[in-house]
PDB file of N, CA and C in Angstrom:
ATOM      1  N   MET A   1      -8.657  26.495   2.679  1.00  0.00           N
ATOM      2  CA  MET A   1      -7.859  25.412   2.128  1.00  0.00           C
ATOM      3  C   MET A   1      -8.182  25.301   0.636  1.00  0.00           C
ATOM      4  N   SER A   2      -7.168  25.209  -0.162  1.00  0.00           N
ATOM      5  CA  SER A   2      -7.398  25.130  -1.602  1.00  0.00           C
ATOM      6  C   SER A   2      -7.938  23.754  -2.000  1.00  0.00           C
ATOM      7  N   ARG A   3      -8.534  23.709  -3.159  1.00  0.00           N
ATOM      8  CA  ARG A   3      -9.108  22.460  -3.647  1.00  0.00           C
ATOM      9  C   ARG A   3      -8.030  21.384  -3.800  1.00  0.00           C
ATOM     10  N   GLU A   4      -6.857  21.789  -4.295  1.00  0.00           N
ATOM     11  CA  GLU A   4      -5.759  20.835  -4.496  1.00  0.00           C
ATOM     12  C   GLU A   4      -5.313  20.221  -3.168  1.00  0.00           C
ATOM     13  N   LYS A   5      -5.196  21.046  -2.139  1.00  0.00           N
ATOM     14  CA  LYS A   5      -4.792  20.540  -0.819  1.00  0.00           C
ATOM     15  C   LYS A   5      -5.852  19.613  -0.248  1.00  0.00           C
ATOM     16  N   ARG A   6      -7.130  19.968  -0.462  1.00  0.00           N
ATOM     17  CA  ARG A   6      -8.215  19.127   0.027  1.00  0.00           C
ATOM     18  C   ARG A   6      -8.189  17.754  -0.628  1.00  0.00           C
ATOM     19  N   GLU A   7      -7.961  17.727  -1.938  1.00  0.00           N
ATOM     20  CA  GLU A   7      -7.902  16.455  -2.675  1.00  0.00           C
ATOM     21  C   GLU A   7      -6.722  15.608  -2.189  1.00  0.00           C
ATOM     22  N   LYS A   8      -5.593  16.257  -1.959  1.00  0.00           N
ATOM     23  CA  LYS A   8      -4.406  15.539  -1.480  1.00  0.00           C
ATOM     24  C   LYS A   8      -4.664  14.944  -0.086  1.00  0.00           C
ATOM     25  N   ALA A   9      -5.284  15.737   0.784  1.00  0.00           N
ATOM     26  CA  ALA A   9      -5.602  15.263   2.130  1.00  0.00           C
ATOM     27  C   ALA A   9      -6.597  14.113   2.083  1.00  0.00           C
ATOM     28  N   ARG A  10      -7.584  14.209   1.197  1.00  0.00           N
ATOM     29  CA  ARG A  10      -8.587  13.150   1.062  1.00  0.00           C
ATOM     30  C   ARG A  10      -7.928  11.852   0.585  1.00  0.00           C
ATOM     31  N   GLY A  11      -7.004  11.974  -0.360  1.00  0.00           N
ATOM     32  CA  GLY A  11      -6.301  10.794  -0.860  1.00  0.00           C
ATOM     33  C   GLY A  11      -5.470  10.134   0.215  1.00  0.00           C
ATOM     34  N   LEU A  12      -4.828  10.953   1.035  1.00  0.00           N
ATOM     35  CA  LEU A  12      -4.025  10.420   2.134  1.00  0.00           C
ATOM     36  C   LEU A  12      -4.903   9.713   3.152  1.00  0.00           C
ATOM     37  N   ALA A  13      -6.038  10.294   3.467  1.00  0.00           N
ATOM     38  CA  ALA A  13      -6.971   9.682   4.412  1.00  0.00           C
ATOM     39  C   ALA A  13      -7.454   8.327   3.888  1.00  0.00           C
ATOM     40  N   GLN A  14      -7.730   8.244   2.595  1.00  0.00           N
ATOM     41  CA  GLN A  14      -8.171   6.977   2.012  1.00  0.00           C
ATOM     42  C   GLN A  14      -7.063   5.926   2.056  1.00  0.00           C
ATOM     43  N   ALA A  15      -5.823   6.362   1.869  1.00  0.00           N
ATOM     44  CA  ALA A  15      -4.706   5.422   1.917  1.00  0.00           C
ATOM     45  C   ALA A  15      -4.581   4.815   3.310  1.00  0.00           C
ATOM     46  N   PHE A  16      -4.768   5.634   4.344  1.00  0.00           N
ATOM     47  CA  PHE A  16      -4.691   5.113   5.705  1.00  0.00           C
ATOM     48  C   PHE A  16      -5.842   4.161   6.007  1.00  0.00           C
ATOM     49  N   LYS A  17      -7.005   4.419   5.458  1.00  0.00           N
ATOM     50  CA  LYS A  17      -8.144   3.525   5.667  1.00  0.00           C
ATOM     51  C   LYS A  17      -7.895   2.156   5.043  1.00  0.00           C
ATOM     52  N   LYS A  18      -7.105   2.102   3.963  1.00  0.00           N
ATOM     53  CA  LYS A  18      -6.857   0.843   3.266  1.00  0.00           C
ATOM     54  C   LYS A  18      -5.890  -0.067   4.004  1.00  0.00           C
ATOM     55  N   MET A  19      -5.167   0.481   4.960  1.00  0.00           N
ATOM     56  CA  MET A  19      -4.211  -0.351   5.705  1.00  0.00           C
ATOM     57  C   MET A  19      -4.989  -1.389   6.499  1.00  0.00           C
ATOM     58  N   SER A  20      -4.671  -2.649   6.292  1.00  0.00           N
ATOM     59  CA  SER A  20      -5.419  -3.704   6.960  1.00  0.00           C
ATOM     60  C   SER A  20      -4.993  -3.893   8.407  1.00  0.00           C
ATOM     61  N   LYS A  21      -3.743  -3.570   8.709  1.00  0.00           N
ATOM     62  CA  LYS A  21      -3.270  -3.685  10.088  1.00  0.00           C
ATOM     63  C   LYS A  21      -2.186  -2.633  10.315  1.00  0.00           C
ATOM     64  N   PRO A  22      -2.025  -2.190  11.538  1.00  0.00           N
ATOM     65  CA  PRO A  22      -1.019  -1.159  11.810  1.00  0.00           C
ATOM     66  C   PRO A  22       0.401  -1.719  11.662  1.00  0.00           C
ATOM     67  N   ALA A  23       1.321  -0.829  11.330  1.00  0.00           N
ATOM     68  CA  ALA A  23       2.722  -1.233  11.202  1.00  0.00           C
ATOM     69  C   ALA A  23       3.253  -1.606  12.577  1.00  0.00           C
ATOM     70  N   SER A  24       4.023  -2.663  12.639  1.00  0.00           N
ATOM     71  CA  SER A  24       4.582  -3.084  13.915  1.00  0.00           C
ATOM     72  C   SER A  24       5.841  -2.287  14.217  1.00  0.00           C
ATOM     73  N   LYS A  25       6.188  -2.209  15.466  1.00  0.00           N
ATOM     74  CA  LYS A  25       7.389  -1.480  15.869  1.00  0.00           C
ATOM     75  C   LYS A  25       8.608  -2.242  15.360  1.00  0.00           C
ATOM     76  N   GLY A  26       9.556  -1.522  14.772  1.00  0.00           N
ATOM     77  CA  GLY A  26      10.778  -2.147  14.305  1.00  0.00           C
ATOM     78  C   GLY A  26      10.692  -2.663  12.881  1.00  0.00           C
ATOM     79  N   GLY A  27       9.686  -2.287  12.144  1.00  0.00           N
ATOM     80  CA  GLY A  27       9.599  -2.701  10.750  1.00  0.00           C
ATOM     81  C   GLY A  27       8.644  -3.849  10.527  1.00  0.00           C
ATOM     82  N   THR A  28       8.522  -4.231   9.286  1.00  0.00           N
ATOM     83  CA  THR A  28       7.556  -5.267   8.943  1.00  0.00           C
ATOM     84  C   THR A  28       8.221  -6.576   8.537  1.00  0.00           C
ATOM     85  N   GLY A  29       9.546  -6.660   8.626  1.00  0.00           N
ATOM     86  CA  GLY A  29      10.218  -7.901   8.264  1.00  0.00           C
ATOM     87  C   GLY A  29      10.080  -8.188   6.791  1.00  0.00           C
ATOM     88  N   GLY A  30      10.282  -7.183   5.975  1.00  0.00           N
ATOM     89  CA  GLY A  30      10.040  -7.304   4.550  1.00  0.00           C
ATOM     90  C   GLY A  30      11.247  -7.673   3.723  1.00  0.00           C
ATOM     91  N   THR A  31      11.351  -7.070   2.566  1.00  0.00           N
ATOM     92  CA  THR A  31      12.353  -7.454   1.583  1.00  0.00           C
ATOM     93  C   THR A  31      13.775  -7.149   2.023  1.00  0.00           C
ATOM     94  N   PHE A  32      13.972  -6.077   2.785  1.00  0.00           N
ATOM     95  CA  PHE A  32      15.331  -5.774   3.236  1.00  0.00           C
ATOM     96  C   PHE A  32      15.831  -6.855   4.196  1.00  0.00           C
ATOM     97  N   THR A  33      14.988  -7.261   5.117  1.00  0.00           N
ATOM     98  CA  THR A  33      15.350  -8.328   6.054  1.00  0.00           C
ATOM     99  C   THR A  33      15.607  -9.629   5.306  1.00  0.00           C
ATOM    100  N   ALA A  34      14.764  -9.928   4.328  1.00  0.00           N
ATOM    101  CA  ALA A  34      14.941 -11.151   3.545  1.00  0.00           C
ATOM    102  C   ALA A  34      16.259 -11.126   2.781  1.00  0.00           C
ATOM    103  N   ALA A  35      16.587  -9.978   2.197  1.00  0.00           N
ATOM    104  CA  ALA A  35      17.847  -9.862   1.454  1.00  0.00           C
ATOM    105  C   ALA A  35      19.046  -9.991   2.383  1.00  0.00           C
ATOM    106  N   ALA A  36      18.959  -9.399   3.567  1.00  0.00           N
ATOM    107  CA  ALA A  36      20.059  -9.490   4.536  1.00  0.00           C
ATOM    108  C   ALA A  36      20.262 -10.930   4.981  1.00  0.00           C
ATOM    109  N   THR A  37      19.168 -11.626   5.258  1.00  0.00           N
ATOM    110  CA  THR A  37      19.246 -13.025   5.681  1.00  0.00           C
ATOM    111  C   THR A  37      19.813 -13.897   4.562  1.00  0.00           C
ATOM    112  N   LYS A  38      19.352 -13.652   3.341  1.00  0.00           N
ATOM    113  CA  LYS A  38      19.838 -14.418   2.186  1.00  0.00           C
ATOM    114  C   LYS A  38      21.326 -14.184   1.956  1.00  0.00           C
ATOM    115  N   ALA A  39      21.801 -12.979   2.281  1.00  0.00           N
ATOM    116  CA  ALA A  39      23.220 -12.653   2.109  1.00  0.00           C
ATOM    117  C   ALA A  39      24.077 -13.200   3.245  1.00  0.00           C
ATOM    118  N   GLY A  40      23.439 -13.896   4.195  1.00  0.00           N
ATOM    119  CA  GLY A  40      24.196 -14.546   5.257  1.00  0.00           C
ATOM    120  C   GLY A  40      24.308 -13.758   6.544  1.00  0.00           C
ATOM    121  N   HIS A  41      23.579 -12.677   6.665  1.00  0.00           N
ATOM    122  CA  HIS A  41      23.608 -11.875   7.885  1.00  0.00           C
ATOM    123  C   HIS A  41      22.546 -12.379   8.850  1.00  0.00           C
ATOM    124  N   ALA A  42      22.814 -12.211  10.127  1.00  0.00           N
ATOM    125  CA  ALA A  42      21.886 -12.675  11.156  1.00  0.00           C
ATOM    126  C   ALA A  42      20.573 -11.903  11.071  1.00  0.00           C
ATOM    127  N   ASP A  43      19.493 -12.551  11.463  1.00  0.00           N
ATOM    128  CA  ASP A  43      18.174 -11.916  11.468  1.00  0.00           C
ATOM    129  C   ASP A  43      18.000 -11.138  12.778  1.00  0.00           C
ATOM    130  N   THR A  44      18.881 -10.180  12.971  1.00  0.00           N
ATOM    131  CA  THR A  44      18.873  -9.316  14.143  1.00  0.00           C
ATOM    132  C   THR A  44      19.094  -7.881  13.669  1.00  0.00           C
ATOM    133  N   PRO A  45      18.787  -6.903  14.505  1.00  0.00           N
ATOM    134  CA  PRO A  45      19.077  -5.521  14.107  1.00  0.00           C
ATOM    135  C   PRO A  45      20.548  -5.297  13.759  1.00  0.00           C
ATOM    136  N   GLU A  46      21.441  -5.954  14.488  1.00  0.00           N
ATOM    137  CA  GLU A  46      22.874  -5.805  14.199  1.00  0.00           C
ATOM    138  C   GLU A  46      23.233  -6.400  12.842  1.00  0.00           C
ATOM    139  N   GLY A  47      22.651  -7.551  12.525  1.00  0.00           N
ATOM    140  CA  GLY A  47      22.898  -8.194  11.234  1.00  0.00           C
ATOM    141  C   GLY A  47      22.387  -7.362  10.072  1.00  0.00           C
ATOM    142  N   ARG A  48      21.196  -6.788  10.247  1.00  0.00           N
ATOM    143  CA  ARG A  48      20.641  -5.935   9.200  1.00  0.00           C
ATOM    144  C   ARG A  48      21.444  -4.652   9.051  1.00  0.00           C
ATOM    145  N   LYS A  49      21.970  -4.118  10.168  1.00  0.00           N
ATOM    146  CA  LYS A  49      22.799  -2.914  10.091  1.00  0.00           C
ATOM    147  C   LYS A  49      24.096  -3.222   9.340  1.00  0.00           C
ATOM    148  N   GLU A  50      24.690  -4.383   9.600  1.00  0.00           N
ATOM    149  CA  GLU A  50      25.899  -4.799   8.870  1.00  0.00           C
ATOM    150  C   GLU A  50      25.608  -4.886   7.365  1.00  0.00           C
ATOM    151  N   PHE A  51      24.459  -5.464   7.024  1.00  0.00           N
ATOM    152  CA  PHE A  51      24.086  -5.576   5.610  1.00  0.00           C
ATOM    153  C   PHE A  51      23.876  -4.194   5.001  1.00  0.00           C
ATOM    154  N   ALA A  52      23.219  -3.296   5.730  1.00  0.00           N
ATOM    155  CA  ALA A  52      23.014  -1.936   5.226  1.00  0.00           C
ATOM    156  C   ALA A  52      24.353  -1.248   4.976  1.00  0.00           C
ATOM    157  N   ASP A  53      25.292  -1.407   5.898  1.00  0.00           N
ATOM    158  CA  ASP A  53      26.619  -0.815   5.716  1.00  0.00           C
ATOM    159  C   ASP A  53      27.327  -1.402   4.499  1.00  0.00           C
ATOM    160  N   LYS A  54      27.162  -2.715   4.301  1.00  0.00           N
ATOM    161  CA  LYS A  54      27.777  -3.386   3.148  1.00  0.00           C
ATOM    162  C   LYS A  54      27.192  -2.860   1.834  1.00  0.00           C
ATOM    163  N   VAL A  55      25.868  -2.711   1.798  1.00  0.00           N
ATOM    164  CA  VAL A  55      25.200  -2.206   0.591  1.00  0.00           C
ATOM    165  C   VAL A  55      25.643  -0.775   0.305  1.00  0.00           C
ATOM    166  N   LEU A  56      25.699   0.047   1.340  1.00  0.00           N
ATOM    167  CA  LEU A  56      26.045   1.452   1.141  1.00  0.00           C
ATOM    168  C   LEU A  56      27.529   1.664   0.840  1.00  0.00           C
ATOM    169  N   SER A  57      28.361   0.702   1.213  1.00  0.00           N
ATOM    170  CA  SER A  57      29.788   0.834   0.908  1.00  0.00           C
ATOM    171  C   SER A  57      30.097   0.482  -0.546  1.00  0.00           C
ATOM    172  N   SER A  58      29.223  -0.295  -1.188  1.00  0.00           N
ATOM    173  CA  SER A  58      29.413  -0.632  -2.606  1.00  0.00           C
ATOM    174  C   SER A  58      28.063  -0.610  -3.330  1.00  0.00           C
ATOM    175  N   PRO A  59      27.477   0.579  -3.511  1.00  0.00           N
ATOM    176  CA  PRO A  59      26.128   0.670  -4.091  1.00  0.00           C
ATOM    177  C   PRO A  59      26.037   0.198  -5.540  1.00  0.00           C
ATOM    178  N   ASP A  60      27.163   0.133  -6.252  1.00  0.00           N
ATOM    179  CA  ASP A  60      27.122  -0.324  -7.646  1.00  0.00           C
ATOM    180  C   ASP A  60      26.794  -1.807  -7.762  1.00  0.00           C
ATOM    181  N   ASN A  61      26.974  -2.544  -6.677  1.00  0.00           N
ATOM    182  CA  ASN A  61      26.714  -3.986  -6.698  1.00  0.00           C
ATOM    183  C   ASN A  61      25.254  -4.338  -6.378  1.00  0.00           C
ATOM    184  N   TYR A  62      24.439  -3.325  -6.046  1.00  0.00           N
ATOM    185  CA  TYR A  62      23.053  -3.562  -5.639  1.00  0.00           C
ATOM    186  C   TYR A  62      22.115  -2.665  -6.443  1.00  0.00           C
ATOM    187  N   SER A  63      20.851  -3.044  -6.451  1.00  0.00           N
ATOM    188  CA  SER A  63      19.859  -2.240  -7.171  1.00  0.00           C
ATOM    189  C   SER A  63      19.651  -0.900  -6.464  1.00  0.00           C
ATOM    190  N   GLU A  64      19.124   0.041  -7.214  1.00  0.00           N
ATOM    191  CA  GLU A  64      18.853   1.367  -6.648  1.00  0.00           C
ATOM    192  C   GLU A  64      17.860   1.265  -5.492  1.00  0.00           C
ATOM    193  N   LYS A  65      16.872   0.380  -5.632  1.00  0.00           N
ATOM    194  CA  LYS A  65      15.884   0.186  -4.565  1.00  0.00           C
ATOM    195  C   LYS A  65      16.535  -0.349  -3.294  1.00  0.00           C
ATOM    196  N   MET A  66      17.453  -1.310  -3.457  1.00  0.00           N
ATOM    197  CA  MET A  66      18.103  -1.881  -2.280  1.00  0.00           C
ATOM    198  C   MET A  66      18.981  -0.836  -1.588  1.00  0.00           C
ATOM    199  N   VAL A  67      19.627   0.013  -2.363  1.00  0.00           N
ATOM    200  CA  VAL A  67      20.448   1.075  -1.781  1.00  0.00           C
ATOM    201  C   VAL A  67      19.555   2.029  -0.987  1.00  0.00           C
ATOM    202  N   LYS A  68      18.386   2.363  -1.532  1.00  0.00           N
ATOM    203  CA  LYS A  68      17.456   3.242  -0.824  1.00  0.00           C
ATOM    204  C   LYS A  68      16.963   2.590   0.466  1.00  0.00           C
ATOM    205  N   LYS A  69      16.678   1.294   0.405  1.00  0.00           N
ATOM    206  CA  LYS A  69      16.224   0.581   1.600  1.00  0.00           C
ATOM    207  C   LYS A  69      17.315   0.540   2.655  1.00  0.00           C
ATOM    208  N   ALA A  70      18.550   0.319   2.231  1.00  0.00           N
ATOM    209  CA  ALA A  70      19.673   0.284   3.169  1.00  0.00           C
ATOM    210  C   ALA A  70      19.869   1.646   3.809  1.00  0.00           C
ATOM    211  N   ASN A  71      19.763   2.690   3.017  1.00  0.00           N
ATOM    212  CA  ASN A  71      19.912   4.039   3.543  1.00  0.00           C
ATOM    213  C   ASN A  71      18.796   4.344   4.544  1.00  0.00           C
ATOM    214  N   PHE A  72      17.578   3.962   4.211  1.00  0.00           N
ATOM    215  CA  PHE A  72      16.453   4.149   5.115  1.00  0.00           C
ATOM    216  C   PHE A  72      16.686   3.375   6.412  1.00  0.00           C
ATOM    217  N   TYR A  73      17.108   2.131   6.284  1.00  0.00           N
ATOM    218  CA  TYR A  73      17.334   1.312   7.470  1.00  0.00           C
ATOM    219  C   TYR A  73      18.387   1.952   8.362  1.00  0.00           C
ATOM    220  N   ARG A  74      19.488   2.373   7.770  1.00  0.00           N
ATOM    221  CA  ARG A  74      20.570   2.949   8.570  1.00  0.00           C
ATOM    222  C   ARG A  74      20.144   4.253   9.236  1.00  0.00           C
ATOM    223  N   ASN A  75      19.420   5.106   8.501  1.00  0.00           N
ATOM    224  CA  ASN A  75      19.082   6.426   9.023  1.00  0.00           C
ATOM    225  C   ASN A  75      17.870   6.457   9.938  1.00  0.00           C
ATOM    226  N   VAL A  76      16.901   5.602   9.706  1.00  0.00           N
ATOM    227  CA  VAL A  76      15.658   5.695  10.449  1.00  0.00           C
ATOM    228  C   VAL A  76      15.444   4.502  11.385  1.00  0.00           C
ATOM    229  N   ILE A  77      15.469   3.328  10.841  1.00  0.00           N
ATOM    230  CA  ILE A  77      15.123   2.142  11.626  1.00  0.00           C
ATOM    231  C   ILE A  77      16.155   1.859  12.710  1.00  0.00           C
ATOM    232  N   SER A  78      17.421   1.789  12.347  1.00  0.00           N
ATOM    233  CA  SER A  78      18.433   1.407  13.326  1.00  0.00           C
ATOM    234  C   SER A  78      18.613   2.468  14.414  1.00  0.00           C
ATOM    235  N   LYS A  79      18.370   3.739  14.106  1.00  0.00           N
ATOM    236  CA  LYS A  79      18.484   4.786  15.119  1.00  0.00           C
ATOM    237  C   LYS A  79      17.301   4.745  16.072  1.00  0.00           C
ATOM    238  N   GLY A  80      16.176   4.260  15.593  1.00  0.00           N
ATOM    239  CA  GLY A  80      14.989   4.169  16.457  1.00  0.00           C
ATOM    240  C   GLY A  80      15.048   3.019  17.419  1.00  0.00           C
ATOM    241  N   SER A  81      15.888   2.029  17.161  1.00  0.00           N
ATOM    242  CA  SER A  81      15.953   0.846  18.028  1.00  0.00           C
ATOM    243  C   SER A  81      17.031   0.965  19.089  1.00  0.00           C
ATOM    244  N   ARG A  82      17.646   2.104  19.219  1.00  0.00           N
ATOM    245  CA  ARG A  82      18.691   2.293  20.233  1.00  0.00           C
ATOM    246  C   ARG A  82      18.117   2.494  21.594  1.00  0.00           C
TER     247      ARG A  82
END
C-alpha cells in the first residue's frame, strides 16, 4: 500500500471516530427537511419528494447546494425508503 493511500485511509478512519452518534435510518432530519417544511410541504417522505421534484424542475430558483441536496434525496434517500 502506498504512503498516500495509507494517509487517506487513516484520515477516513479518524473521521469515523469523530462521529458522536450513528446516522439514523432515513436521514438526519437536516436542512433539506427544514427547507421542505418551510416551503409548505408535509414532513413526510412524500412531502420531501415533492419538494425535491420542485427544486429540480426549476434549479435556477434555488442555491446550488439545495439542488444537490434535492438530487441526492431523489436518487438515494427516497429510493431507499420504498
